Protein backbone atom coordinates (compact mmCIF):
# COMPACT_ATOMS: atom_id res chain seq x y z
CA MET A 1 98.85 114.78 127.25
CA LYS A 2 101.42 116.46 125.05
CA ASN A 3 100.59 118.13 121.77
CA LEU A 4 101.07 116.04 118.65
CA ASN A 5 103.75 117.37 116.31
CA ILE A 6 102.10 116.75 112.94
CA PRO A 7 105.12 117.22 110.60
CA LEU A 8 107.31 114.88 112.64
CA PHE A 9 104.46 112.39 112.86
CA PHE A 10 104.16 112.29 109.07
CA LEU A 11 107.94 111.95 108.71
CA ALA A 12 107.85 108.98 111.07
CA LEU A 13 104.99 107.42 109.11
CA LEU A 14 106.91 107.96 105.87
CA ALA A 15 109.99 106.26 107.32
CA VAL A 16 107.93 103.28 108.48
CA PHE A 17 106.26 103.10 105.06
CA CYS A 18 109.68 103.06 103.36
CA PHE A 19 110.78 100.15 105.55
CA MET A 20 107.53 98.35 104.75
CA LEU A 21 108.25 98.81 101.06
CA VAL A 22 111.62 97.14 101.61
CA GLY A 23 109.71 94.02 102.61
CA VAL A 24 107.49 94.29 99.54
CA ALA A 25 110.53 94.71 97.30
CA ILE A 26 112.15 91.66 98.89
CA GLY A 27 108.94 89.74 98.24
CA TYR A 28 109.16 90.68 94.56
CA ARG A 29 112.88 89.77 94.63
CA SER A 30 113.92 93.22 93.47
CA ILE A 31 117.31 94.01 94.98
CA ILE A 32 117.48 97.48 93.46
CA PHE A 33 114.17 98.62 94.94
CA SER A 34 114.92 97.04 98.31
CA ILE A 35 118.23 98.90 98.55
CA PHE A 36 116.57 102.11 97.31
CA PHE A 37 113.75 101.99 99.88
CA LEU A 38 116.16 101.03 102.65
CA LEU A 39 118.38 104.04 101.92
CA LEU A 40 115.33 106.29 101.51
CA GLY A 41 113.98 105.13 104.87
CA PHE A 42 117.26 105.90 106.62
CA CYS A 43 117.43 109.33 104.93
CA VAL A 44 113.87 110.20 105.97
CA MET A 45 114.53 109.01 109.51
CA GLY A 46 117.76 111.02 109.70
CA PHE A 47 115.97 114.10 108.38
CA GLY A 48 113.31 113.68 111.07
CA PHE A 49 115.98 113.47 113.78
CA MET A 50 117.65 116.58 112.36
CA VAL A 51 114.36 118.54 112.40
CA LYS A 52 113.63 117.41 115.95
CA ARG A 53 117.07 118.49 117.15
CA LYS A 54 116.62 121.94 115.54
CA GLN A 55 113.21 122.34 117.20
CA ARG A 56 114.61 121.32 120.58
CA ASN A 57 117.51 123.77 120.27
CA GLN A 58 115.15 126.63 119.37
CA GLN A 59 113.00 125.99 122.45
CA ALA A 60 115.96 126.01 124.85
């Protein structure tokens, strides 16, 4: 079993939570918050991919 990378795990949870909040914002019919959480989720996910790529390049 591989070691769990805690910072990347929390970034992934934060991205999933942002996408869940998009659904909540849609339920409240708030277009502004739904767009905000959607963009925030993509930014967090992109930041996680960037951190993972930097870690992989440092190991090689």
